[in-house]
PDB file of N, CA and C in Angstrom:
ATOM      1  N   MET A   1       0.791  -1.157  -0.029  1.00  0.00           N
ATOM      2  CA  MET A   1       0.001   0.116  -0.007  1.00  0.00           C
ATOM      3  C   MET A   1       0.906   1.251   0.029  1.00  0.00           C
ATOM      4  N   ALA A   2       0.483   2.239  -0.755  1.00  0.00           N
ATOM      5  CA  ALA A   2       1.370   3.490  -0.949  1.00  0.00           C
ATOM      6  C   ALA A   2       1.170   4.349   0.302  1.00  0.00           C
ATOM      7  N   GLU A   3       2.150   5.122   0.513  1.00  0.00           N
ATOM      8  CA  GLU A   3       2.113   6.098   1.693  1.00  0.00           C
ATOM      9  C   GLU A   3       1.060   7.217   1.250  1.00  0.00           C
ATOM     10  N   ARG A   4       0.485   7.754   2.267  1.00  0.00           N
ATOM     11  CA  ARG A   4      -0.585   8.742   2.084  1.00  0.00           C
ATOM     12  C   ARG A   4      -0.014  10.004   1.464  1.00  0.00           C
ATOM     13  N   GLY A   5       1.191  10.518   1.755  1.00  0.00           N
ATOM     14  CA  GLY A   5       1.739  11.726   1.305  1.00  0.00           C
ATOM     15  C   GLY A   5       2.438  11.542  -0.085  1.00  0.00           C
ATOM     16  N   LEU A   6       2.479  10.364  -0.571  1.00  0.00           N
ATOM     17  CA  LEU A   6       3.236  10.033  -1.812  1.00  0.00           C
ATOM     18  C   LEU A   6       2.423  10.535  -2.997  1.00  0.00           C
ATOM     19  N   PHE A   7       3.062  11.275  -3.973  1.00  0.00           N
ATOM     20  CA  PHE A   7       2.354  11.760  -5.110  1.00  0.00           C
ATOM     21  C   PHE A   7       2.602  10.825  -6.230  1.00  0.00           C
ATOM     22  N   VAL A   8       1.561  10.462  -6.884  1.00  0.00           N
ATOM     23  CA  VAL A   8       1.717   9.548  -8.103  1.00  0.00           C
ATOM     24  C   VAL A   8       1.064  10.178  -9.232  1.00  0.00           C
ATOM     25  N   ALA A   9       1.777  10.450 -10.305  1.00  0.00           N
ATOM     26  CA  ALA A   9       1.255  11.118 -11.484  1.00  0.00           C
ATOM     27  C   ALA A   9       0.226  10.328 -12.153  1.00  0.00           C
ATOM     28  N   ALA A  10      -0.874  10.875 -12.622  1.00  0.00           N
ATOM     29  CA  ALA A  10      -1.803  10.088 -13.387  1.00  0.00           C
ATOM     30  C   ALA A  10      -1.365   9.536 -14.695  1.00  0.00           C
ATOM     31  N   TYR A  11      -0.522  10.305 -15.386  1.00  0.00           N
ATOM     32  CA  TYR A  11       0.087   9.944 -16.568  1.00  0.00           C
ATOM     33  C   TYR A  11       1.605   9.978 -16.510  1.00  0.00           C
ATOM     34  N   PRO A  12       2.330   9.165 -17.182  1.00  0.00           N
ATOM     35  CA  PRO A  12       3.778   9.331 -17.148  1.00  0.00           C
ATOM     36  C   PRO A  12       4.215  10.583 -17.878  1.00  0.00           C
ATOM     37  N   GLU A  13       5.406  11.158 -17.665  1.00  0.00           N
ATOM     38  CA  GLU A  13       5.873  12.359 -18.229  1.00  0.00           C
ATOM     39  C   GLU A  13       5.876  12.316 -19.782  1.00  0.00           C
ATOM     40  N   THR A  14       6.040  11.094 -20.370  1.00  0.00           N
ATOM     41  CA  THR A  14       6.137  10.970 -21.767  1.00  0.00           C
ATOM     42  C   THR A  14       4.848  11.218 -22.430  1.00  0.00           C
ATOM     43  N   VAL A  15       3.730  11.311 -21.771  1.00  0.00           N
ATOM     44  CA  VAL A  15       2.382  11.456 -22.392  1.00  0.00           C
ATOM     45  C   VAL A  15       2.293  12.876 -22.881  1.00  0.00           C
ATOM     46  N   VAL A  16       2.838  13.848 -22.138  1.00  0.00           N
ATOM     47  CA  VAL A  16       2.783  15.322 -22.577  1.00  0.00           C
ATOM     48  C   VAL A  16       3.842  15.582 -23.571  1.00  0.00           C
ATOM     49  N   PRO A  17       3.371  16.062 -24.816  1.00  0.00           N
ATOM     50  CA  PRO A  17       4.283  16.461 -25.884  1.00  0.00           C
ATOM     51  C   PRO A  17       5.179  17.657 -25.427  1.00  0.00           C
ATOM     52  N   PRO A  18       6.441  17.716 -25.900  1.00  0.00           N
ATOM     53  CA  PRO A  18       7.291  18.798 -25.398  1.00  0.00           C
ATOM     54  C   PRO A  18       6.692  20.205 -25.781  1.00  0.00           C
ATOM     55  N   ALA A  19       5.915  20.289 -26.821  1.00  0.00           N
ATOM     56  CA  ALA A  19       5.244  21.587 -27.208  1.00  0.00           C
ATOM     57  C   ALA A  19       4.270  22.077 -26.148  1.00  0.00           C
ATOM     58  N   LEU A  20       3.666  21.154 -25.383  1.00  0.00           N
ATOM     59  CA  LEU A  20       2.622  21.500 -24.318  1.00  0.00           C
ATOM     60  C   LEU A  20       3.297  21.450 -22.919  1.00  0.00           C
ATOM     61  N   ALA A  21       4.655  21.309 -22.789  1.00  0.00           N
ATOM     62  CA  ALA A  21       5.253  21.394 -21.556  1.00  0.00           C
ATOM     63  C   ALA A  21       5.049  22.712 -20.926  1.00  0.00           C
ATOM     64  N   LEU A  22       5.027  22.773 -19.583  1.00  0.00           N
ATOM     65  CA  LEU A  22       4.718  24.008 -18.896  1.00  0.00           C
ATOM     66  C   LEU A  22       5.581  25.118 -19.323  1.00  0.00           C
ATOM     67  N   PRO A  23       7.040  25.051 -19.303  1.00  0.00           N
ATOM     68  CA  PRO A  23       7.788  26.269 -19.722  1.00  0.00           C
ATOM     69  C   PRO A  23       7.371  26.739 -21.043  1.00  0.00           C
ATOM     70  N   ALA A  24       7.072  25.973 -22.019  1.00  0.00           N
ATOM     71  CA  ALA A  24       6.654  26.431 -23.447  1.00  0.00           C
ATOM     72  C   ALA A  24       5.251  27.127 -23.264  1.00  0.00           C
ATOM     73  N   ILE A  25       4.387  26.711 -22.532  1.00  0.00           N
ATOM     74  CA  ILE A  25       3.038  27.420 -22.338  1.00  0.00           C
ATOM     75  C   ILE A  25       3.256  28.704 -21.696  1.00  0.00           C
ATOM     76  N   GLU A  26       4.100  28.730 -20.622  1.00  0.00           N
ATOM     77  CA  GLU A  26       4.268  30.013 -19.834  1.00  0.00           C
ATOM     78  C   GLU A  26       5.041  31.047 -20.657  1.00  0.00           C
ATOM     79  N   ASP A  27       5.955  30.622 -21.530  1.00  0.00           N
ATOM     80  CA  ASP A  27       6.673  31.531 -22.463  1.00  0.00           C
ATOM     81  C   ASP A  27       5.776  32.168 -23.324  1.00  0.00           C
ATOM     82  N   ALA A  28       4.685  31.369 -23.881  1.00  0.00           N
ATOM     83  CA  ALA A  28       3.833  31.854 -24.843  1.00  0.00           C
ATOM     84  C   ALA A  28       2.755  32.806 -24.228  1.00  0.00           C
ATOM     85  N   PHE A  29       2.303  32.431 -23.049  1.00  0.00           N
ATOM     86  CA  PHE A  29       1.325  33.110 -22.274  1.00  0.00           C
ATOM     87  C   PHE A  29       1.742  33.508 -20.939  1.00  0.00           C
ATOM     88  N   PRO A  30       2.550  34.615 -20.855  1.00  0.00           N
ATOM     89  CA  PRO A  30       2.959  35.066 -19.509  1.00  0.00           C
ATOM     90  C   PRO A  30       1.785  35.286 -18.584  1.00  0.00           C
ATOM     91  N   ARG A  31       2.070  35.060 -17.242  1.00  0.00           N
ATOM     92  CA  ARG A  31       0.913  35.216 -16.299  1.00  0.00           C
ATOM     93  C   ARG A  31       0.840  36.773 -15.962  1.00  0.00           C
ATOM     94  N   ASN A  32      -0.452  37.290 -15.920  1.00  0.00           N
ATOM     95  CA  ASN A  32      -0.651  38.704 -15.631  1.00  0.00           C
ATOM     96  C   ASN A  32      -1.840  38.633 -14.554  1.00  0.00           C
ATOM     97  N   LEU A  33      -1.607  39.530 -13.503  1.00  0.00           N
ATOM     98  CA  LEU A  33      -2.770  39.630 -12.620  1.00  0.00           C
ATOM     99  C   LEU A  33      -3.892  40.518 -13.300  1.00  0.00           C
ATOM    100  N   HIS A  34      -5.084  40.113 -13.052  1.00  0.00           N
ATOM    101  CA  HIS A  34      -6.246  40.915 -13.535  1.00  0.00           C
ATOM    102  C   HIS A  34      -6.238  42.254 -12.658  1.00  0.00           C
ATOM    103  N   PRO A  35      -6.538  43.313 -13.299  1.00  0.00           N
ATOM    104  CA  PRO A  35      -6.601  44.664 -12.596  1.00  0.00           C
ATOM    105  C   PRO A  35      -7.453  44.619 -11.316  1.00  0.00           C
ATOM    106  N   TYR A  36      -8.520  43.800 -11.312  1.00  0.00           N
ATOM    107  CA  TYR A  36      -9.394  43.745 -10.209  1.00  0.00           C
ATOM    108  C   TYR A  36      -8.813  43.009  -8.997  1.00  0.00           C
ATOM    109  N   TRP A  37      -7.870  42.184  -9.205  1.00  0.00           N
ATOM    110  CA  TRP A  37      -7.296  41.254  -8.240  1.00  0.00           C
ATOM    111  C   TRP A  37      -6.977  41.976  -6.905  1.00  0.00           C
ATOM    112  N   PRO A  38      -6.203  43.053  -6.753  1.00  0.00           N
ATOM    113  CA  PRO A  38      -5.938  43.610  -5.561  1.00  0.00           C
ATOM    114  C   PRO A  38      -7.097  44.074  -4.710  1.00  0.00           C
ATOM    115  N   ARG A  39      -8.131  44.612  -5.500  1.00  0.00           N
ATOM    116  CA  ARG A  39      -9.492  45.057  -4.840  1.00  0.00           C
ATOM    117  C   ARG A  39     -10.169  43.829  -4.266  1.00  0.00           C
ATOM    118  N   LEU A  40     -10.191  42.752  -5.068  1.00  0.00           N
ATOM    119  CA  LEU A  40     -10.850  41.452  -4.673  1.00  0.00           C
ATOM    120  C   LEU A  40     -10.174  40.972  -3.323  1.00  0.00           C
ATOM    121  N   GLN A  41      -8.756  41.009  -3.388  1.00  0.00           N
ATOM    122  CA  GLN A  41      -8.114  40.509  -2.112  1.00  0.00           C
ATOM    123  C   GLN A  41      -8.545  41.345  -0.948  1.00  0.00           C
ATOM    124  N   GLU A  42      -8.632  42.681  -1.133  1.00  0.00           N
ATOM    125  CA  GLU A  42      -8.898  43.521   0.101  1.00  0.00           C
ATOM    126  C   GLU A  42     -10.264  43.295   0.535  1.00  0.00           C
ATOM    127  N   LYS A  43     -11.251  43.176  -0.456  1.00  0.00           N
ATOM    128  CA  LYS A  43     -12.595  42.950   0.015  1.00  0.00           C
ATOM    129  C   LYS A  43     -12.700  41.560   0.691  1.00  0.00           C
ATOM    130  N   THR A  44     -12.055  40.490   0.117  1.00  0.00           N
ATOM    131  CA  THR A  44     -12.093  39.168   0.843  1.00  0.00           C
ATOM    132  C   THR A  44     -11.589  39.307   2.236  1.00  0.00           C
ATOM    133  N   ARG A  45     -10.443  39.959   2.392  1.00  0.00           N
ATOM    134  CA  ARG A  45      -9.768  40.105   3.652  1.00  0.00           C
ATOM    135  C   ARG A  45     -10.752  40.908   4.696  1.00  0.00           C
ATOM    136  N   SER A  46     -11.377  41.884   4.255  1.00  0.00           N
ATOM    137  CA  SER A  46     -12.253  42.585   5.172  1.00  0.00           C
ATOM    138  C   SER A  46     -13.512  41.742   5.471  1.00  0.00           C
ATOM    139  N   TRP A  47     -13.941  40.924   4.568  1.00  0.00           N
ATOM    140  CA  TRP A  47     -15.085  40.034   4.818  1.00  0.00           C
ATOM    141  C   TRP A  47     -14.704  38.917   5.869  1.00  0.00           C
ATOM    142  N   LEU A  48     -13.572  38.442   5.675  1.00  0.00           N
ATOM    143  CA  LEU A  48     -13.053  37.372   6.580  1.00  0.00           C
ATOM    144  C   LEU A  48     -12.833  37.920   7.975  1.00  0.00           C
ATOM    145  N   LEU A  49     -12.317  39.182   8.003  1.00  0.00           N
ATOM    146  CA  LEU A  49     -12.178  39.787   9.352  1.00  0.00           C
ATOM    147  C   LEU A  49     -13.567  40.087  10.021  1.00  0.00           C
ATOM    148  N   GLU A  50     -14.523  40.541   9.243  1.00  0.00           N
ATOM    149  CA  GLU A  50     -15.865  40.896   9.752  1.00  0.00           C
ATOM    150  C   GLU A  50     -16.532  39.610  10.323  1.00  0.00           C
ATOM    151  N   LYS A  51     -16.317  38.507   9.582  1.00  0.00           N
ATOM    152  CA  LYS A  51     -16.974  37.310  10.039  1.00  0.00           C
ATOM    153  C   LYS A  51     -16.149  36.597  11.072  1.00  0.00           C
ATOM    154  N   ARG A  52     -14.958  37.134  11.462  1.00  0.00           N
ATOM    155  CA  ARG A  52     -14.021  36.542  12.440  1.00  0.00           C
ATOM    156  C   ARG A  52     -13.513  35.178  11.975  1.00  0.00           C
ATOM    157  N   LEU A  53     -13.243  35.066  10.680  1.00  0.00           N
ATOM    158  CA  LEU A  53     -12.900  33.896  10.102  1.00  0.00           C
ATOM    159  C   LEU A  53     -11.245  33.871  10.006  1.00  0.00           C
ATOM    160  N   MET A  54     -10.685  35.092  10.245  1.00  0.00           N
ATOM    161  CA  MET A  54      -9.224  35.236  10.077  1.00  0.00           C
ATOM    162  C   MET A  54      -8.791  36.091  11.213  1.00  0.00           C
ATOM    163  N   PRO A  55      -7.709  35.816  11.751  1.00  0.00           N
ATOM    164  CA  PRO A  55      -7.277  36.728  12.833  1.00  0.00           C
ATOM    165  C   PRO A  55      -6.854  38.106  12.332  1.00  0.00           C
ATOM    166  N   ALA A  56      -6.965  39.089  13.189  1.00  0.00           N
ATOM    167  CA  ALA A  56      -6.756  40.519  12.764  1.00  0.00           C
ATOM    168  C   ALA A  56      -5.301  40.804  12.488  1.00  0.00           C
ATOM    169  N   ASP A  57      -4.400  39.997  13.047  1.00  0.00           N
ATOM    170  CA  ASP A  57      -2.955  40.281  12.928  1.00  0.00           C
ATOM    171  C   ASP A  57      -2.415  39.624  11.533  1.00  0.00           C
ATOM    172  N   LYS A  58      -3.242  38.987  10.788  1.00  0.00           N
ATOM    173  CA  LYS A  58      -2.712  38.564   9.482  1.00  0.00           C
ATOM    174  C   LYS A  58      -2.741  39.488   8.383  1.00  0.00           C
TER     175      LYS A  58
END
């Protein structure tokens, strides 16, 4: 029986063609934060604080 924390890939690495490997995808499509993201973070933080689901010192 495998250990609980052991990660086993669903497919072997050879299944993913090199053209679709993560570095190739990330080079073609760089990650950009949506302009709304900082505002969403702040609204989420204030909601969590209001509901006392997050400590105030975080």
